[in-house]
C-alpha atoms as a PDB file:
ATOM      1  CA  MET A   1     102.740 -77.864  77.462  1.00  0.00           C
ATOM      2  CA  GLU A   2      99.115 -77.044  78.642  1.00  0.00           C
ATOM      3  CA  VAL A   3      96.222 -77.562  76.300  1.00  0.00           C
ATOM      4  CA  ASP A   4      93.118 -75.248  76.637  1.00  0.00           C
ATOM      5  CA  LYS A   5      90.329 -77.592  77.510  1.00  0.00           C
ATOM      6  CA  ALA A   6      87.622 -74.979  76.794  1.00  0.00           C
ATOM      7  CA  TYR A   7      88.578 -74.772  73.090  1.00  0.00           C
ATOM      8  CA  PRO A   8      89.603 -78.178  72.006  1.00  0.00           C
ATOM      9  CA  SER A   9      91.400 -78.409  68.704  1.00  0.00           C
ATOM     10  CA  PRO A  10      89.435 -79.656  65.558  1.00  0.00           C
ATOM     11  CA  SER A  11      91.540 -82.726  65.425  1.00  0.00           C
ATOM     12  CA  TRP A  12      89.895 -84.252  68.273  1.00  0.00           C
ATOM     13  CA  ALA A  13      86.336 -82.524  67.961  1.00  0.00           C
ATOM     14  CA  PRO A  14      83.405 -84.676  67.990  1.00  0.00           C
ATOM     15  CA  GLU A  15      82.039 -85.886  64.618  1.00  0.00           C
ATOM     16  CA  SER A  16      78.582 -84.393  65.369  1.00  0.00           C
ATOM     17  CA  LEU A  17      79.910 -81.115  66.008  1.00  0.00           C
ATOM     18  CA  THR A  18      81.907 -80.971  62.840  1.00  0.00           C
ATOM     19  CA  ALA A  19      78.840 -82.123  60.855  1.00  0.00           C
ATOM     20  CA  ASP A  20      76.623 -79.456  62.369  1.00  0.00           C
ATOM     21  CA  THR A  21      79.269 -76.746  61.709  1.00  0.00           C
ATOM     22  CA  ASP A  22      79.610 -77.702  58.097  1.00  0.00           C
ATOM     23  CA  ALA A  23      75.783 -77.771  57.482  1.00  0.00           C
ATOM     24  CA  SER A  24      75.273 -74.388  59.028  1.00  0.00           C
ATOM     25  CA  ASP A  25      78.216 -73.045  56.883  1.00  0.00           C
ATOM     26  CA  VAL A  26      76.745 -74.424  53.737  1.00  0.00           C
ATOM     27  CA  SER A  27      73.290 -73.142  54.455  1.00  0.00           C
ATOM     28  CA  SER A  28      74.600 -69.706  55.308  1.00  0.00           C
ATOM     29  CA  ARG A  29      76.682 -69.580  51.939  1.00  0.00           C
ATOM     30  CA  GLN A  30      73.641 -70.667  50.078  1.00  0.00           C
ATOM     31  CA  ALA A  31      71.656 -68.008  51.721  1.00  0.00           C
ATOM     32  CA  LYS A  32      74.239 -65.479  50.857  1.00  0.00           C
ATOM     33  CA  ASP A  33      74.434 -66.700  47.211  1.00  0.00           C
ATOM     34  CA  ASP A  34      70.554 -66.650  46.856  1.00  0.00           C
ATOM     35  CA  GLU A  35      70.102 -63.225  48.357  1.00  0.00           C
ATOM     36  CA  PRO A  36      71.765 -61.331  45.328  1.00  0.00           C
ATOM     37  CA  ALA A  37      69.824 -63.427  42.905  1.00  0.00           C
ATOM     38  CA  SER A  38      66.437 -62.543  44.646  1.00  0.00           C
ATOM     39  CA  VAL A  39      67.405 -58.844  44.622  1.00  0.00           C
ATOM     40  CA  TYR A  40      68.430 -58.959  41.001  1.00  0.00           C
ATOM     41  CA  ALA A  41      65.043 -60.749  40.180  1.00  0.00           C
ATOM     42  CA  THR A  42      63.169 -58.080  42.067  1.00  0.00           C
ATOM     43  CA  LEU A  43      65.090 -55.265  40.317  1.00  0.00           C
ATOM     44  CA  GLY A  44      64.640 -57.157  37.055  1.00  0.00           C
ATOM     45  CA  ASN A  45      60.922 -57.147  37.440  1.00  0.00           C
ATOM     46  CA  GLU A  46      60.685 -53.541  38.284  1.00  0.00           C
ATOM     47  CA  THR A  47      62.896 -52.635  35.373  1.00  0.00           C
ATOM     48  CA  GLY A  48      60.840 -54.779  32.986  1.00  0.00           C
ATOM     49  CA  ASP A  49      57.619 -53.256  34.167  1.00  0.00           C
ATOM     50  CA  ALA A  50      59.075 -49.770  33.682  1.00  0.00           C
ATOM     51  CA  THR A  51      60.363 -50.663  30.274  1.00  0.00           C
ATOM     52  CA  CYS A  52      57.013 -52.171  29.180  1.00  0.00           C
ATOM     53  CA  SER A  53      55.150 -49.088  30.385  1.00  0.00           C
ATOM     54  CA  GLU A  54      57.487 -46.859  28.430  1.00  0.00           C
ATOM     55  CA  ARG A  55      57.207 -48.929  25.357  1.00  0.00           C
ATOM     56  CA  HIS A  56      53.463 -48.708  25.265  1.00  0.00           C
ATOM     57  CA  GLY A  57      53.214 -45.097  26.226  1.00  0.00           C
ATOM     58  CA  TRP A  58      51.422 -45.525  29.518  1.00  0.00           C
ATOM     59  CA  THR A  59      52.882 -42.681  31.190  1.00  0.00           C
ATOM     60  CA  GLU A  60      50.545 -39.868  32.394  1.00  0.00           C
ATOM     61  CA  ASP A  61      51.882 -37.411  29.789  1.00  0.00           C
ATOM     62  CA  ALA A  62      51.628 -39.954  27.079  1.00  0.00           C
ATOM     63  CA  TRP A  63      48.045 -40.709  27.995  1.00  0.00           C
ATOM     64  CA  HIS A  64      47.134 -36.842  27.715  1.00  0.00           C
ATOM     65  CA  THR A  65      48.768 -36.829  24.336  1.00  0.00           C
ATOM     66  CA  VAL A  66      46.741 -39.737  23.005  1.00  0.00           C
ATOM     67  CA  LEU A  67      43.525 -38.495  24.337  1.00  0.00           C
ATOM     68  CA  SER A  68      44.215 -35.045  22.841  1.00  0.00           C
ATOM     69  CA  ARG A  69      44.910 -36.636  19.423  1.00  0.00           C
ATOM     70  CA  ARG A  70      41.780 -38.631  19.557  1.00  0.00           C
ATOM     71  CA  GLN A  71      39.619 -35.602  20.493  1.00  0.00           C
ATOM     72  CA  LYS A  72      41.146 -33.589  17.559  1.00  0.00           C
ATOM     73  CA  LYS A  73      40.551 -36.497  15.152  1.00  0.00           C
ATOM     74  CA  ASN A  74      36.904 -36.802  16.410  1.00  0.00           C
ATOM     75  CA  LEU A  75      36.447 -33.010  16.178  1.00  0.00           C
ATOM     76  CA  LEU A  76      37.802 -33.022  12.622  1.00  0.00           C
ATOM     77  CA  LYS A  77      35.336 -35.820  11.607  1.00  0.00           C
ATOM     78  CA  GLU A  78      32.414 -33.966  13.154  1.00  0.00           C
ATOM     79  CA  GLN A  79      33.256 -30.847  11.349  1.00  0.00           C
ATOM     80  CA  LYS A  80      33.787 -32.626   7.976  1.00  0.00           C
ATOM     81  CA  SER A  81      30.421 -34.407   8.480  1.00  0.00           C
ATOM     82  CA  GLN A  82      28.632 -31.117   9.258  1.00  0.00           C
ATOM     83  CA  MET A  83      30.060 -29.470   6.138  1.00  0.00           C
ATOM     84  CA  GLU A  84      29.044 -32.319   3.981  1.00  0.00           C
ATOM     85  CA  LYS A  85      25.665 -32.090   5.389  1.00  0.00           C
ATOM     86  CA  ALA A  86      25.424 -28.348   4.701  1.00  0.00           C
ATOM     87  CA  VAL A  87      26.648 -28.812   1.136  1.00  0.00           C
ATOM     88  CA  LYS A  88      24.037 -31.625   0.432  1.00  0.00           C
ATOM     89  CA  ALA A  89      21.330 -29.334   1.987  1.00  0.00           C
ATOM     90  CA  ASN A  90      22.352 -26.349  -0.189  1.00  0.00           C
ATOM     91  CA  GLU A  91      22.472 -28.590  -3.285  1.00  0.00           C
ATOM     92  CA  LYS A  92      19.099 -29.925  -2.459  1.00  0.00           C
ATOM     93  CA  PHE A  93      17.766 -26.272  -1.809  1.00  0.00           C
ATOM     94  CA  GLU A  94      19.096 -25.192  -5.121  1.00  0.00           C
ATOM     95  CA  SER A  95      17.908 -28.016  -7.112  1.00  0.00           C
ATOM     96  CA  HIS A  96      14.386 -27.833  -5.510  1.00  0.00           C
ATOM     97  CA  PRO A  97      13.787 -24.173  -4.555  1.00  0.00           C
ATOM     98  CA  PRO A  98      10.722 -23.558  -2.425  1.00  0.00           C
ATOM     99  CA  ALA A  99       7.416 -22.483  -3.793  1.00  0.00           C
ATOM    100  CA  GLU A 100       7.766 -18.940  -2.744  1.00  0.00           C
ATOM    101  CA  LYS A 101      11.157 -18.565  -4.511  1.00  0.00           C
ATOM    102  CA  GLN A 102       9.649 -20.109  -7.687  1.00  0.00           C
ATOM    103  CA  LYS A 103       6.802 -17.676  -7.582  1.00  0.00           C
ATOM    104  CA  ARG A 104       9.055 -14.701  -7.066  1.00  0.00           C
ATOM    105  CA  GLU A 105      11.399 -15.754  -9.983  1.00  0.00           C
ATOM    106  CA  ALA A 106       8.327 -16.251 -12.269  1.00  0.00           C
ATOM    107  CA  LYS A 107       7.053 -12.826 -11.335  1.00  0.00           C
ATOM    108  CA  GLN A 108      10.439 -11.180 -12.019  1.00  0.00           C
ATOM    109  CA  GLY A 109      10.537 -12.994 -15.413  1.00  0.00           C
ATOM    110  CA  PHE A 110       7.124 -11.779 -16.212  1.00  0.00           C
ATOM    111  CA  ARG A 111       8.114  -8.258 -15.449  1.00  0.00           C
ATOM    112  CA  GLN A 112      11.213  -8.451 -17.427  1.00  0.00           C
ATOM    113  CA  LYS A 113       9.109  -9.669 -20.409  1.00  0.00           C
ATOM    114  CA  LYS A 114       6.563  -6.959 -19.763  1.00  0.00           C
ATOM    115  CA  ARG A 115       9.256  -4.281 -19.809  1.00  0.00           C
ATOM    116  CA  ARG A 116      10.732  -5.153 -23.116  1.00  0.00           C
ATOM    117  CA  GLY A 117      10.897  -2.299 -25.601  1.00  0.00           C
ATOM    118  CA  PRO A 118       8.585  -1.948 -28.461  1.00  0.00           C
ATOM    119  CA  PHE A 119       9.391  -3.380 -31.932  1.00  0.00           C
ATOM    120  CA  PRO A 120      11.753  -1.239 -34.154  1.00  0.00           C
ATOM    121  CA  LEU A 121      10.072   0.973 -36.718  1.00  0.00           C
ATOM    122  CA  PRO A 122      10.611   0.009 -40.338  1.00  0.00           C
ATOM    123  CA  LYS A 123      14.153   1.151 -41.472  1.00  0.00           C
ATOM    124  CA  GLU A 124      13.004   2.246 -44.925  1.00  0.00           C
ATOM    125  CA  ASP A 125      10.368   4.635 -43.552  1.00  0.00           C
ATOM    126  CA  ILE A 126      10.849   8.342 -43.401  1.00  0.00           C
ATOM    127  CA  LYS A 127      10.827   9.496 -39.696  1.00  0.00           C
ATOM    128  CA  ILE A 128       9.289  12.854 -38.756  1.00  0.00           C
ATOM    129  CA  ILE A 129       9.972  14.172 -35.269  1.00  0.00           C
ATOM    130  CA  LEU A 130       7.271  16.370 -33.566  1.00  0.00           C
ATOM    131  CA  ARG A 131       8.721  18.132 -30.560  1.00  0.00           C
ATOM    132  CA  PRO A 132       6.296  20.199 -28.339  1.00  0.00           C
ATOM    133  CA  HIS A 133       7.051  23.487 -26.809  1.00  0.00           C
ATOM    134  CA  LYS A 134       7.858  23.577 -22.958  1.00  0.00           C
ATOM    135  CA  SER A 135       4.395  23.607 -21.532  1.00  0.00           C
ATOM    136  CA  LEU A 136       3.242  20.185 -22.925  1.00  0.00           C
ATOM    137  CA  TRP A 137       4.259  16.684 -22.000  1.00  0.00           C
ATOM    138  CA  VAL A 138       3.244  14.208 -24.613  1.00  0.00           C
ATOM    139  CA  LYS A 139       3.285  11.278 -22.123  1.00  0.00           C
ATOM    140  CA  ASN A 140       0.278  12.807 -20.528  1.00  0.00           C
ATOM    141  CA  ILE A 141      -1.699  12.610 -23.785  1.00  0.00           C
ATOM    142  CA  LEU A 142      -3.375   9.607 -25.195  1.00  0.00           C
ATOM    143  CA  ARG A 143      -1.889   8.150 -28.391  1.00  0.00           C
ATOM    144  CA  LEU A 144      -5.244   8.193 -30.052  1.00  0.00           C
ATOM    145  CA  GLU A 145      -5.652  11.968 -29.242  1.00  0.00           C
ATOM    146  CA  LEU A 146      -2.186  12.758 -30.810  1.00  0.00           C
ATOM    147  CA  SER A 147      -2.964  10.590 -33.889  1.00  0.00           C
ATOM    148  CA  ARG A 148      -6.337  12.528 -34.459  1.00  0.00           C
ATOM    149  CA  GLY A 149      -4.537  15.809 -34.004  1.00  0.00           C
ATOM    150  CA  VAL A 150      -1.973  14.879 -36.698  1.00  0.00           C
ATOM    151  CA  ILE A 151      -4.620  13.828 -39.147  1.00  0.00           C
ATOM    152  CA  ASP A 152      -6.570  17.082 -38.477  1.00  0.00           C
ATOM    153  CA  ALA A 153      -3.473  19.329 -38.858  1.00  0.00           C
ATOM    154  CA  CYS A 154      -2.885  17.724 -42.355  1.00  0.00           C
ATOM    155  CA  GLN A 155      -6.472  18.459 -43.459  1.00  0.00           C
ATOM    156  CA  ARG A 156      -7.376  14.766 -43.365  1.00  0.00           C
ATOM    157  CA  SER A 157      -5.472  14.074 -46.624  1.00  0.00           C
ATOM    158  CA  PHE A 158      -4.561  10.642 -45.311  1.00  0.00           C
ATOM    159  CA  ASN A 159      -5.614   8.283 -42.588  1.00  0.00           C
ATOM    160  CA  GLY A 160      -4.161   6.217 -39.957  1.00  0.00           C
ATOM    161  CA  ASN A 161      -3.069   3.367 -42.350  1.00  0.00           C
ATOM    162  CA  ASP A 162      -0.472   5.737 -43.899  1.00  0.00           C
ATOM    163  CA  PHE A 163       1.734   6.302 -40.946  1.00  0.00           C
ATOM    164  CA  LEU A 164       2.768   4.976 -37.523  1.00  0.00           C
ATOM    165  CA  LEU A 165       2.920   7.051 -34.279  1.00  0.00           C
ATOM    166  CA  ARG A 166       5.100   6.348 -31.335  1.00  0.00           C
ATOM    167  CA  VAL A 167       5.845   8.416 -28.256  1.00  0.00           C
ATOM    168  CA  GLN A 168       9.077   8.685 -26.578  1.00  0.00           C
ATOM    169  CA  PRO A 169       8.454  10.035 -22.969  1.00  0.00           C
ATOM    170  CA  GLY A 170      12.076  10.394 -22.084  1.00  0.00           C
ATOM    171  CA  SER A 171      12.790  12.744 -24.990  1.00  0.00           C
ATOM    172  CA  ASN A 172       9.201  14.214 -25.023  1.00  0.00           C
ATOM    173  CA  ILE A 173       8.888  13.714 -28.625  1.00  0.00           C
ATOM    174  CA  VAL A 174       6.533  12.137 -31.064  1.00  0.00           C
ATOM    175  CA  ILE A 175       7.870   9.986 -33.837  1.00  0.00           C
ATOM    176  CA  LEU A 176       5.754   9.640 -37.139  1.00  0.00           C
ATOM    177  CA  SER A 177       6.984   6.840 -39.483  1.00  0.00           C
ATOM    178  CA  THR A 178       5.690   6.599 -43.056  1.00  0.00           C
ATOM    179  CA  PRO A 179       6.942   5.026 -46.309  1.00  0.00           C
ATOM    180  CA  SER A 180       5.202   7.810 -48.450  1.00  0.00           C
ATOM    181  CA  ILE A 181       7.316  10.920 -49.499  1.00  0.00           C
ATOM    182  CA  GLU A 182       3.894  12.851 -49.937  1.00  0.00           C
ATOM    183  CA  VAL A 183       2.828  12.047 -46.436  1.00  0.00           C
ATOM    184  CA  ALA A 184       6.166  12.817 -45.014  1.00  0.00           C
ATOM    185  CA  SER A 185       6.102  16.244 -46.711  1.00  0.00           C
ATOM    186  CA  ARG A 186       2.752  16.941 -45.090  1.00  0.00           C
ATOM    187  CA  LEU A 187       3.869  15.736 -41.649  1.00  0.00           C
ATOM    188  CA  ARG A 188       6.990  17.957 -42.058  1.00  0.00           C
ATOM    189  CA  GLY A 189       4.690  20.998 -42.312  1.00  0.00           C
ATOM    190  CA  ILE A 190       2.989  20.528 -39.013  1.00  0.00           C
ATOM    191  CA  SER A 191       3.450  23.545 -36.747  1.00  0.00           C
ATOM    192  CA  GLN A 192       0.612  22.946 -34.165  1.00  0.00           C
ATOM    193  CA  LEU A 193      -1.848  20.389 -33.059  1.00  0.00           C
ATOM    194  CA  LYS A 194      -5.284  20.719 -31.587  1.00  0.00           C
ATOM    195  CA  ILE A 195      -5.644  18.502 -28.542  1.00  0.00           C
ATOM    196  CA  ARG A 196      -8.650  18.476 -26.187  1.00  0.00           C
ATOM    197  CA  GLY A 197      -9.854  21.822 -27.605  1.00  0.00           C
ATOM    198  CA  GLN A 198      -6.506  23.459 -27.153  1.00  0.00           C
ATOM    199  CA  ILE A 199      -3.818  24.496 -29.630  1.00  0.00           C
ATOM    200  CA  HIS A 200      -0.241  23.407 -28.818  1.00  0.00           C
ATOM    201  CA  ALA A 201       2.658  24.476 -30.802  1.00  0.00           C
ATOM    202  CA  PHE A 202       5.144  21.933 -32.264  1.00  0.00           C
ATOM    203  CA  ASN A 203       8.436  21.875 -34.066  1.00  0.00           C
ATOM    204  CA  ALA A 204       8.519  19.319 -36.861  1.00  0.00           C
ATOM    205  CA  TYR A 205      11.761  17.969 -38.567  1.00  0.00           C
ATOM    206  CA  VAL A 206      12.979  14.955 -40.403  1.00  0.00           C
ATOM    207  CA  ALA A 207      14.869  12.521 -38.247  1.00  0.00           C
ATOM    208  CA  ASP A 208      18.466  11.860 -39.216  1.00  0.00           C
ATOM    209  CA  PRO A 209      19.121   8.753 -41.165  1.00  0.00           C
ATOM    210  CA  GLU A 210      21.696   6.091 -40.151  1.00  0.00           C
ATOM    211  CA  GLY A 211      25.338   6.900 -40.564  1.00  0.00           C
ATOM    212  CA  VAL A 212      25.185  10.623 -40.020  1.00  0.00           C
ATOM    213  CA  LEU A 213      27.293  12.784 -37.661  1.00  0.00           C
ATOM    214  CA  ARG A 214      26.108  15.451 -35.341  1.00  0.00           C
ATOM    215  CA  GLY A 215      27.877  18.468 -34.099  1.00  0.00           C
ATOM    216  CA  ILE A 216      27.069  21.433 -31.860  1.00  0.00           C
ATOM    217  CA  ILE A 217      27.974  25.065 -32.375  1.00  0.00           C
ATOM    218  CA  HIS A 218      27.663  27.933 -29.879  1.00  0.00           C
ATOM    219  CA  GLY A 219      27.196  31.633 -30.038  1.00  0.00           C
ATOM    220  CA  ILE A 220      24.253  31.851 -32.464  1.00  0.00           C
ATOM    221  CA  PRO A 221      21.542  34.343 -31.844  1.00  0.00           C
ATOM    222  CA  ALA A 222      18.497  32.583 -30.302  1.00  0.00           C
ATOM    223  CA  GLU A 223      16.064  34.024 -32.956  1.00  0.00           C
ATOM    224  CA  THR A 224      17.958  32.601 -35.835  1.00  0.00           C
ATOM    225  CA  SER A 225      15.628  30.431 -38.012  1.00  0.00           C
ATOM    226  CA  GLN A 226      16.344  26.968 -39.558  1.00  0.00           C
ATOM    227  CA  ASP A 227      16.316  28.399 -43.060  1.00  0.00           C
ATOM    228  CA  GLU A 228      18.797  31.115 -42.113  1.00  0.00           C
ATOM    229  CA  LEU A 229      21.152  28.515 -40.648  1.00  0.00           C
ATOM    230  CA  MET A 230      21.019  26.316 -43.716  1.00  0.00           C
ATOM    231  CA  GLU A 231      21.550  29.419 -46.023  1.00  0.00           C
ATOM    232  CA  ASN A 232      24.532  30.754 -44.210  1.00  0.00           C
ATOM    233  CA  LEU A 233      26.376  27.641 -42.878  1.00  0.00           C
ATOM    234  CA  ARG A 234      29.496  26.371 -44.747  1.00  0.00           C
ATOM    235  CA  VAL A 235      32.002  23.577 -44.146  1.00  0.00           C
ATOM    236  CA  ARG A 236      35.526  23.137 -45.642  1.00  0.00           C
ATOM    237  CA  THR A 237      36.201  19.603 -44.660  1.00  0.00           C
ATOM    238  CA  GLN A 238      36.398  17.510 -47.832  1.00  0.00           C
ATOM    239  CA  GLY A 239      33.866  14.896 -48.243  1.00  0.00           C
ATOM    240  CA  VAL A 240      31.499  16.327 -45.441  1.00  0.00           C
ATOM    241  CA  ASN A 241      28.171  17.997 -46.228  1.00  0.00           C
ATOM    242  CA  ILE A 242      25.632  19.830 -43.911  1.00  0.00           C
ATOM    243  CA  GLU A 243      22.264  18.010 -44.080  1.00  0.00           C
ATOM    244  CA  ARG A 244      20.311  19.751 -41.492  1.00  0.00           C
ATOM    245  CA  ALA A 245      20.749  22.519 -38.830  1.00  0.00           C
ATOM    246  CA  ARG A 246      18.353  23.834 -36.160  1.00  0.00           C
ATOM    247  CA  MET A 247      18.436  25.773 -32.963  1.00  0.00           C
ATOM    248  CA  LEU A 248      18.147  24.107 -29.619  1.00  0.00           C
ATOM    249  CA  GLY A 249      15.042  25.604 -28.137  1.00  0.00           C
ATOM    250  CA  SER A 250      15.666  29.319 -27.140  1.00  0.00           C
ATOM    251  CA  SER A 251      19.384  28.893 -26.393  1.00  0.00           C
ATOM    252  CA  LYS A 252      22.305  30.165 -28.449  1.00  0.00           C
ATOM    253  CA  THR A 253      23.293  26.724 -29.481  1.00  0.00           C
ATOM    254  CA  ALA A 254      22.660  25.074 -32.872  1.00  0.00           C
ATOM    255  CA  ILE A 255      22.874  21.432 -33.769  1.00  0.00           C
ATOM    256  CA  ILE A 256      24.131  20.464 -37.101  1.00  0.00           C
ATOM    257  CA  THR A 257      23.708  17.143 -38.997  1.00  0.00           C
ATOM    258  CA  PHE A 258      26.554  16.083 -41.286  1.00  0.00           C
ATOM    259  CA  THR A 259      27.025  13.381 -43.744  1.00  0.00           C
ATOM    260  CA  GLY A 260      30.573  12.012 -44.210  1.00  0.00           C
ATOM    261  CA  ASN A 261      33.410  10.048 -42.547  1.00  0.00           C
ATOM    262  CA  VAL A 262      34.631  12.592 -40.055  1.00  0.00           C
ATOM    263  CA  LEU A 263      33.120  15.465 -38.013  1.00  0.00           C
ATOM    264  CA  PRO A 264      34.553  18.766 -39.061  1.00  0.00           C
ATOM    265  CA  ARG A 265      36.480  20.696 -36.438  1.00  0.00           C
ATOM    266  CA  SER A 266      34.941  24.025 -37.326  1.00  0.00           C
ATOM    267  CA  VAL A 267      32.079  25.458 -39.489  1.00  0.00           C
ATOM    268  CA  TYR A 268      31.526  29.011 -40.916  1.00  0.00           C
ATOM    269  CA  ILE A 269      28.400  30.975 -40.668  1.00  0.00           C
ATOM    270  CA  MET A 270      28.429  34.181 -42.731  1.00  0.00           C
ATOM    271  CA  GLY A 271      32.207  33.988 -42.816  1.00  0.00           C
ATOM    272  CA  ALA A 272      32.650  33.676 -39.049  1.00  0.00           C
ATOM    273  CA  GLU A 273      34.428  30.518 -37.951  1.00  0.00           C
ATOM    274  CA  LEU A 274      32.841  28.556 -34.974  1.00  0.00           C
ATOM    275  CA  ILE A 275      34.275  25.442 -33.383  1.00  0.00           C
ATOM    276  CA  CYS A 276      32.055  22.248 -33.886  1.00  0.00           C
ATOM    277  CA  TYR A 277      31.844  20.143 -30.896  1.00  0.00           C
ATOM    278  CA  PRO A 278      30.754  16.487 -31.015  1.00  0.00           C
END
């Protein structure tokens, strides 16, 4: 049997060759064993970095979210501080108004005090109303001129200490207040006043006392006098009496003053029934 000399069998191989072969095999196996470990280590490091970045929110979208939240928070803080500053400034302005505002308020308060109405006339006095005819406005006449005209019209039987005179421009009337029945009867008889050298006609009547009722009736001839009204007017409502009646200017309407608890629905003049309006 022939033996291949080029490839000797291991049994007779030299010792050095066997040792080299074993060393190379061991090193190659170690290299193969170490290769997966290094690969796994690299992959482990990459995976750990990714996990850490995800844990801390360091992705690009997460950074945008964090920045937007911070911006909103800062914006809310700025708005809140601005509102607080505005409120404090407003409170300071209200507690310490400027000088111009104080002057304006003081001026308005002075005007309000200045526009307060006159003191009330004595309740116990008798009030006589003087109403001029159409061509005269009592607001254009001095109070002293009216008072002199009243005293002259009563033949100077009393003086200015016996009555009070007040003008109501809105109603165009003169109110005469007196505690004396005698003076009141003379004032009631005034039919004209001489003012600035001219004679002006007036209607004089006693003002209604407190607690009276007034009603209006229509369809009365314009030339009807006050005495004729009082003579012919009747009322059938129980507990109600007619105290006074007069015509309203040159119209066909008369105003009636009643005493009682209720205003009658109708009155009668010379037997004719007329509706009484409040």
